[in-house]
Structure formats: C-alpha cells, structure tokens
C-alpha atoms as a PDB file:
ATOM      1  CA  MET A   1     -13.406  81.903 202.832  1.00  0.00           C
ATOM      2  CA  ARG A   2     -12.655  83.374 206.237  1.00  0.00           C
ATOM      3  CA  ASN A   3     -15.670  85.711 205.900  1.00  0.00           C
ATOM      4  CA  ASN A   4     -17.927  82.738 205.124  1.00  0.00           C
ATOM      5  CA  VAL A   5     -16.754  80.888 208.268  1.00  0.00           C
ATOM      6  CA  SER A   6     -17.228  84.013 210.369  1.00  0.00           C
ATOM      7  CA  PHE A   7     -20.707  84.563 208.904  1.00  0.00           C
ATOM      8  CA  PHE A   8     -21.597  80.902 209.565  1.00  0.00           C
ATOM      9  CA  ARG A   9     -20.433  81.143 213.212  1.00  0.00           C
ATOM     10  CA  LYS A  10     -22.403  84.339 213.805  1.00  0.00           C
ATOM     11  CA  GLY A  11     -25.489  82.747 212.275  1.00  0.00           C
ATOM     12  CA  LEU A  12     -25.081  79.626 214.396  1.00  0.00           C
ATOM     13  CA  VAL A  13     -24.623  81.694 217.558  1.00  0.00           C
ATOM     14  CA  ALA A  14     -27.761  83.720 216.713  1.00  0.00           C
ATOM     15  CA  ILE A  15     -29.836  80.561 216.155  1.00  0.00           C
ATOM     16  CA  LEU A  16     -28.597  79.007 219.404  1.00  0.00           C
ATOM     17  CA  ALA A  17     -29.322  82.231 221.304  1.00  0.00           C
ATOM     18  CA  MET A  18     -32.892  82.398 219.950  1.00  0.00           C
ATOM     19  CA  THR A  19     -33.528  78.744 220.745  1.00  0.00           C
ATOM     20  CA  LEU A  20     -32.155  79.099 224.264  1.00  0.00           C
ATOM     21  CA  SER A  21     -34.074  82.296 224.972  1.00  0.00           C
ATOM     22  CA  ALA A  22     -37.330  80.743 223.710  1.00  0.00           C
ATOM     23  CA  SER A  23     -36.901  77.756 226.029  1.00  0.00           C
ATOM     24  CA  LEU A  24     -36.037  80.053 228.940  1.00  0.00           C
ATOM     25  CA  TYR A  25     -39.288  81.954 228.481  1.00  0.00           C
ATOM     26  CA  ALA A  26     -41.495  78.875 228.115  1.00  0.00           C
ATOM     27  CA  VAL A  27     -43.807  78.884 231.108  1.00  0.00           C
ATOM     28  CA  GLU A  28     -44.939  75.655 232.688  1.00  0.00           C
ATOM     29  CA  TYR A  29     -47.692  75.226 235.237  1.00  0.00           C
ATOM     30  CA  SER A  30     -47.728  72.176 237.466  1.00  0.00           C
ATOM     31  CA  SER A  31     -48.570  72.807 241.111  1.00  0.00           C
ATOM     32  CA  ILE A  32     -52.286  72.545 241.953  1.00  0.00           C
ATOM     33  CA  ASP A  33     -53.595  75.306 244.212  1.00  0.00           C
ATOM     34  CA  VAL A  34     -55.998  73.063 246.133  1.00  0.00           C
ATOM     35  CA  ALA A  35     -57.413  75.962 248.163  1.00  0.00           C
ATOM     36  CA  LYS A  36     -58.702  77.601 244.959  1.00  0.00           C
ATOM     37  CA  SER A  37     -59.546  74.444 242.975  1.00  0.00           C
ATOM     38  CA  LYS A  38     -62.760  72.441 243.208  1.00  0.00           C
ATOM     39  CA  ILE A  39     -64.638  69.474 241.777  1.00  0.00           C
ATOM     40  CA  THR A  40     -68.426  69.833 241.769  1.00  0.00           C
ATOM     41  CA  PHE A  41     -71.448  68.040 240.331  1.00  0.00           C
ATOM     42  CA  THR A  42     -75.196  68.452 239.964  1.00  0.00           C
ATOM     43  CA  THR A  43     -77.908  65.867 239.549  1.00  0.00           C
ATOM     44  CA  LYS A  44     -81.619  65.342 240.117  1.00  0.00           C
ATOM     45  CA  LEU A  45     -82.728  63.559 243.286  1.00  0.00           C
ATOM     46  CA  MET A  46     -86.467  62.830 243.505  1.00  0.00           C
ATOM     47  CA  GLY A  47     -87.097  65.598 240.971  1.00  0.00           C
ATOM     48  CA  SER A  48     -85.091  68.243 242.853  1.00  0.00           C
ATOM     49  CA  LYS A  49     -81.669  69.597 241.989  1.00  0.00           C
ATOM     50  CA  LEU A  50     -78.851  68.248 244.130  1.00  0.00           C
ATOM     51  CA  ALA A  51     -75.475  69.985 244.040  1.00  0.00           C
ATOM     52  CA  GLY A  52     -72.319  68.767 245.702  1.00  0.00           C
ATOM     53  CA  GLY A  53     -68.641  68.159 245.354  1.00  0.00           C
ATOM     54  CA  PHE A  54     -65.478  66.549 246.644  1.00  0.00           C
ATOM     55  CA  GLY A  55     -63.451  68.569 249.139  1.00  0.00           C
ATOM     56  CA  LYS A  56     -60.168  66.674 248.911  1.00  0.00           C
ATOM     57  CA  PHE A  57     -58.121  65.782 245.876  1.00  0.00           C
ATOM     58  CA  SER A  58     -54.519  65.839 244.756  1.00  0.00           C
ATOM     59  CA  GLY A  59     -52.613  65.226 241.593  1.00  0.00           C
ATOM     60  CA  LYS A  60     -49.868  65.927 239.129  1.00  0.00           C
ATOM     61  CA  VAL A  61     -50.316  68.231 236.171  1.00  0.00           C
ATOM     62  CA  SER A  62     -47.860  69.431 233.553  1.00  0.00           C
ATOM     63  CA  PHE A  63     -49.111  72.210 231.267  1.00  0.00           C
ATOM     64  CA  ASN A  64     -47.305  74.602 228.944  1.00  0.00           C
ATOM     65  CA  PRO A  65     -49.640  77.027 227.113  1.00  0.00           C
ATOM     66  CA  ASP A  66     -47.187  77.103 224.190  1.00  0.00           C
ATOM     67  CA  GLU A  67     -47.584  73.314 223.772  1.00  0.00           C
ATOM     68  CA  PRO A  68     -51.004  72.456 225.232  1.00  0.00           C
ATOM     69  CA  GLU A  69     -51.243  69.181 223.305  1.00  0.00           C
ATOM     70  CA  LYS A  70     -48.343  67.856 225.425  1.00  0.00           C
ATOM     71  CA  ALA A  71     -50.220  68.379 228.698  1.00  0.00           C
ATOM     72  CA  LYS A  72     -50.402  65.534 231.200  1.00  0.00           C
ATOM     73  CA  ALA A  73     -52.642  65.163 234.219  1.00  0.00           C
ATOM     74  CA  SER A  74     -53.512  62.669 236.898  1.00  0.00           C
ATOM     75  CA  LEU A  75     -55.901  63.450 239.725  1.00  0.00           C
ATOM     76  CA  MET A  76     -56.807  61.391 242.771  1.00  0.00           C
ATOM     77  CA  ILE A  77     -60.125  62.279 244.408  1.00  0.00           C
ATOM     78  CA  ASP A  78     -60.760  61.325 248.032  1.00  0.00           C
ATOM     79  CA  ILE A  79     -64.267  59.867 247.767  1.00  0.00           C
ATOM     80  CA  ALA A  80     -64.861  60.175 251.525  1.00  0.00           C
ATOM     81  CA  SER A  81     -64.754  63.967 251.019  1.00  0.00           C
ATOM     82  CA  PHE A  82     -68.108  63.712 249.152  1.00  0.00           C
ATOM     83  CA  ASN A  83     -70.311  66.603 250.190  1.00  0.00           C
ATOM     84  CA  ALA A  84     -73.957  66.921 249.102  1.00  0.00           C
ATOM     85  CA  GLY A  85     -77.291  67.101 250.854  1.00  0.00           C
ATOM     86  CA  GLY A  86     -77.253  66.359 254.555  1.00  0.00           C
ATOM     87  CA  GLU A  87     -75.226  64.065 256.759  1.00  0.00           C
ATOM     88  CA  GLU A  88     -77.538  61.093 256.105  1.00  0.00           C
ATOM     89  CA  LEU A  89     -77.092  61.386 252.326  1.00  0.00           C
ATOM     90  CA  GLN A  90     -73.328  61.730 252.688  1.00  0.00           C
ATOM     91  CA  GLU A  91     -73.119  58.553 254.756  1.00  0.00           C
ATOM     92  CA  GLU A  92     -75.366  56.728 252.254  1.00  0.00           C
ATOM     93  CA  ALA A  93     -73.061  57.801 249.386  1.00  0.00           C
ATOM     94  CA  LYS A  94     -70.054  56.255 251.149  1.00  0.00           C
ATOM     95  CA  GLY A  95     -71.827  52.891 251.515  1.00  0.00           C
ATOM     96  CA  LYS A  96     -71.759  49.761 249.365  1.00  0.00           C
ATOM     97  CA  ASP A  97     -74.681  50.788 247.114  1.00  0.00           C
ATOM     98  CA  TRP A  98     -72.811  53.902 246.025  1.00  0.00           C
ATOM     99  CA  PHE A  99     -69.070  54.589 246.288  1.00  0.00           C
ATOM    100  CA  SER A 100     -68.153  51.824 248.754  1.00  0.00           C
ATOM    101  CA  THR A 101     -65.375  54.007 250.184  1.00  0.00           C
ATOM    102  CA  LYS A 102     -63.989  51.295 252.471  1.00  0.00           C
ATOM    103  CA  LEU A 103     -63.058  49.203 249.420  1.00  0.00           C
ATOM    104  CA  TYR A 104     -62.513  52.066 246.945  1.00  0.00           C
ATOM    105  CA  PRO A 105     -61.389  55.198 248.804  1.00  0.00           C
ATOM    106  CA  ASN A 106     -60.282  57.089 245.682  1.00  0.00           C
ATOM    107  CA  ALA A 107     -61.383  57.893 242.165  1.00  0.00           C
ATOM    108  CA  ILE A 108     -58.515  58.401 239.714  1.00  0.00           C
ATOM    109  CA  PHE A 109     -58.414  60.374 236.480  1.00  0.00           C
ATOM    110  CA  THR A 110     -55.462  59.963 234.099  1.00  0.00           C
ATOM    111  CA  SER A 111     -55.120  61.871 230.844  1.00  0.00           C
ATOM    112  CA  ASP A 112     -54.113  60.025 227.678  1.00  0.00           C
ATOM    113  CA  ALA A 113     -54.218  62.744 225.012  1.00  0.00           C
ATOM    114  CA  VAL A 114     -55.017  66.430 224.641  1.00  0.00           C
ATOM    115  CA  LYS A 115     -56.509  67.992 221.531  1.00  0.00           C
ATOM    116  CA  VAL A 116     -56.594  71.756 220.928  1.00  0.00           C
ATOM    117  CA  THR A 117     -60.146  72.694 219.871  1.00  0.00           C
ATOM    118  CA  GLY A 118     -59.759  76.476 219.651  1.00  0.00           C
ATOM    119  CA  PRO A 119     -58.076  79.428 221.343  1.00  0.00           C
ATOM    120  CA  ASN A 120     -57.565  78.443 224.998  1.00  0.00           C
ATOM    121  CA  SER A 121     -59.874  75.438 224.496  1.00  0.00           C
ATOM    122  CA  LEU A 122     -58.978  71.778 224.863  1.00  0.00           C
ATOM    123  CA  GLU A 123     -60.482  68.331 224.663  1.00  0.00           C
ATOM    124  CA  ILE A 124     -58.825  66.076 227.229  1.00  0.00           C
ATOM    125  CA  HIS A 125     -59.097  62.328 226.614  1.00  0.00           C
ATOM    126  CA  GLY A 126     -58.387  60.029 229.509  1.00  0.00           C
ATOM    127  CA  SER A 127     -59.724  57.391 231.846  1.00  0.00           C
ATOM    128  CA  LEU A 128     -61.673  57.738 235.065  1.00  0.00           C
ATOM    129  CA  ALA A 129     -61.592  54.903 237.593  1.00  0.00           C
ATOM    130  CA  ILE A 130     -64.377  54.710 240.174  1.00  0.00           C
ATOM    131  CA  LYS A 131     -65.139  51.653 242.320  1.00  0.00           C
ATOM    132  CA  GLY A 132     -62.412  49.699 240.543  1.00  0.00           C
ATOM    133  CA  LYS A 133     -63.901  50.286 237.090  1.00  0.00           C
ATOM    134  CA  SER A 134     -61.916  52.409 234.626  1.00  0.00           C
ATOM    135  CA  LEU A 135     -63.766  53.935 231.668  1.00  0.00           C
ATOM    136  CA  PRO A 136     -62.784  56.410 228.956  1.00  0.00           C
ATOM    137  CA  VAL A 137     -63.852  60.009 229.456  1.00  0.00           C
ATOM    138  CA  VAL A 138     -63.617  63.154 227.317  1.00  0.00           C
ATOM    139  CA  ILE A 139     -63.382  66.466 229.147  1.00  0.00           C
ATOM    140  CA  ALA A 140     -64.010  69.839 227.520  1.00  0.00           C
ATOM    141  CA  ALA A 141     -61.771  72.525 229.041  1.00  0.00           C
ATOM    142  CA  LYS A 142     -61.090  76.224 228.680  1.00  0.00           C
ATOM    143  CA  TYR A 143     -58.148  77.967 230.299  1.00  0.00           C
ATOM    144  CA  GLN A 144     -56.903  81.453 231.028  1.00  0.00           C
ATOM    145  CA  THR A 145     -53.807  82.839 232.672  1.00  0.00           C
ATOM    146  CA  GLN A 146     -54.144  85.110 235.664  1.00  0.00           C
ATOM    147  CA  GLY A 147     -50.846  86.430 236.985  1.00  0.00           C
ATOM    148  CA  LYS A 148     -48.640  83.460 237.845  1.00  0.00           C
ATOM    149  CA  GLN A 149     -51.555  81.050 237.731  1.00  0.00           C
ATOM    150  CA  ILE A 150     -53.555  79.365 235.025  1.00  0.00           C
ATOM    151  CA  ILE A 151     -57.215  78.527 235.571  1.00  0.00           C
ATOM    152  CA  PHE A 152     -58.985  75.605 233.916  1.00  0.00           C
ATOM    153  CA  ASP A 153     -62.760  75.353 233.732  1.00  0.00           C
ATOM    154  CA  ALA A 154     -63.569  71.839 232.606  1.00  0.00           C
ATOM    155  CA  SER A 155     -66.680  69.711 232.401  1.00  0.00           C
ATOM    156  CA  PHE A 156     -67.861  66.262 231.421  1.00  0.00           C
ATOM    157  CA  GLN A 157     -70.900  64.033 231.780  1.00  0.00           C
ATOM    158  CA  LEU A 158     -70.626  61.033 234.090  1.00  0.00           C
ATOM    159  CA  LEU A 159     -73.075  58.159 233.713  1.00  0.00           C
ATOM    160  CA  ARG A 160     -73.256  56.859 237.287  1.00  0.00           C
ATOM    161  CA  LEU A 161     -74.723  53.447 236.447  1.00  0.00           C
ATOM    162  CA  ASP A 162     -71.721  52.693 234.201  1.00  0.00           C
ATOM    163  CA  TYR A 163     -69.625  52.717 237.399  1.00  0.00           C
ATOM    164  CA  GLY A 164     -72.150  50.816 239.511  1.00  0.00           C
ATOM    165  CA  LEU A 165     -73.069  53.929 241.500  1.00  0.00           C
ATOM    166  CA  GLY A 166     -76.528  53.496 242.958  1.00  0.00           C
ATOM    167  CA  ALA A 167     -77.453  49.842 243.397  1.00  0.00           C
ATOM    168  CA  GLY A 168     -80.783  48.402 244.484  1.00  0.00           C
ATOM    169  CA  ASN A 169     -83.582  50.986 244.629  1.00  0.00           C
ATOM    170  CA  TRP A 170     -81.054  53.692 243.707  1.00  0.00           C
ATOM    171  CA  ALA A 171     -80.625  52.155 240.235  1.00  0.00           C
ATOM    172  CA  ASP A 172     -84.020  53.651 239.337  1.00  0.00           C
ATOM    173  CA  THR A 173     -83.213  56.693 237.190  1.00  0.00           C
ATOM    174  CA  SER A 174     -86.567  58.286 238.036  1.00  0.00           C
ATOM    175  CA  ALA A 175     -85.346  58.550 241.651  1.00  0.00           C
ATOM    176  CA  ILE A 176     -81.915  59.901 240.765  1.00  0.00           C
ATOM    177  CA  SER A 177     -80.726  60.693 237.262  1.00  0.00           C
ATOM    178  CA  ASN A 178     -78.078  58.592 235.570  1.00  0.00           C
ATOM    179  CA  GLU A 179     -76.462  61.653 233.959  1.00  0.00           C
ATOM    180  CA  VAL A 180     -74.273  63.604 236.357  1.00  0.00           C
ATOM    181  CA  PRO A 181     -72.665  66.779 234.976  1.00  0.00           C
ATOM    182  CA  VAL A 182     -69.254  67.220 236.617  1.00  0.00           C
ATOM    183  CA  LYS A 183     -67.307  70.491 236.696  1.00  0.00           C
ATOM    184  CA  VAL A 184     -63.639  70.826 237.522  1.00  0.00           C
ATOM    185  CA  ASN A 185     -62.185  74.227 238.329  1.00  0.00           C
ATOM    186  CA  LEU A 186     -58.437  73.673 238.516  1.00  0.00           C
ATOM    187  CA  VAL A 187     -55.989  76.432 239.446  1.00  0.00           C
ATOM    188  CA  LEU A 188     -52.320  75.740 238.687  1.00  0.00           C
ATOM    189  CA  ASN A 189     -49.314  77.687 239.890  1.00  0.00           C
ATOM    190  CA  GLN A 190     -46.406  78.553 237.648  1.00  0.00           C
ATOM    191  CA  LYS A 191     -43.492  76.150 238.019  1.00  0.00           C
END
C-alpha cells in the first residue's frame, strides 16, 4: 500500500512539473514595434496606381503561437496620418467627402475570432470602424518568428463606398476604384 501511495505521489509530482514547465516556456507576443510595423494600401486613381499608408497607429495584441486561435487584437489608426499622393490629395482625404478626420479621427479594428487555416496561417474575423460605421472584416494572415519578435503579414479588401469614403464626384468608381487592397505588416515583441 505504501508503495502505491509513493508511486502516486511521484506520478503527481511529475505531471505537475511537466505542466508547470510547459506553461513557463509558452511564449507570448504583445508589444507592437511601431517603428517596424506598417499599414499600407493600393488603389487606382484616374487609371493610375496610387499607393499609400497610415504612419501612426497603436493597439493591443495578445498572441501565443502555441494557441493562435486564442489571439486577440485591437488597433487604432490615426486617420490624419494618411499618406498618399501629394499634399493636396492628403488634405482632400482628410475632408468631409473622405475620412472627415475632424469628426472621425481614428479607424478601429477589433478582432472577434481567429481560425487556423494552415501552418503559420490564420483567418482573423473582426470589425473595422471607419467614419462611425463598423463592418465585419476577414483578414488573411501569415506569421513567422524572428528572434524575439513575431512578424505578421496580413491583407484584406476594403470596399471604400461601404464606409462612405468618397462622396460626390469621388463616388464614381471609374475615377477611383471601390476595392482597396490593404496590407498590414505587424511586428510584435516577445512579452
């Protein structure tokens, strides 16, 4: 009987030790390296390619590569940091026909669910709020670790007219396309 109790205790200690060591080695990434991260887009303006981005954004991310489906993210993009074309175009984009930055200074993305689609590949479901209108969005993402950082390359298609971006003459999709491919390169530091 005494041997059975001793065996049970040793087994319990071994299980606890393995569980504790596994949780100690779980790596979580949460701090955004804003100097290395970027949000960019491309579109067609009067038949020519227009590329740009947003220079300022912040957010909270929680990602563990051992449990990617439990990831959480929220990003706040400073719309006034819009950068594309020349100064005239940038000022136009901040106006009421486009982003109306005085009323809506930020765009906000919040994740709702994450689905693993393959090795180091995810589908991130969430909502994107622009100009006070929040719509569902699905983002395809791939990730890779690099030292003490993890790098996400993500993309999705934004339909600008769904958010009321481009009123008046700008609503004409022959002048500027409705489909706007958006790319997010997010670099996270190990927690």
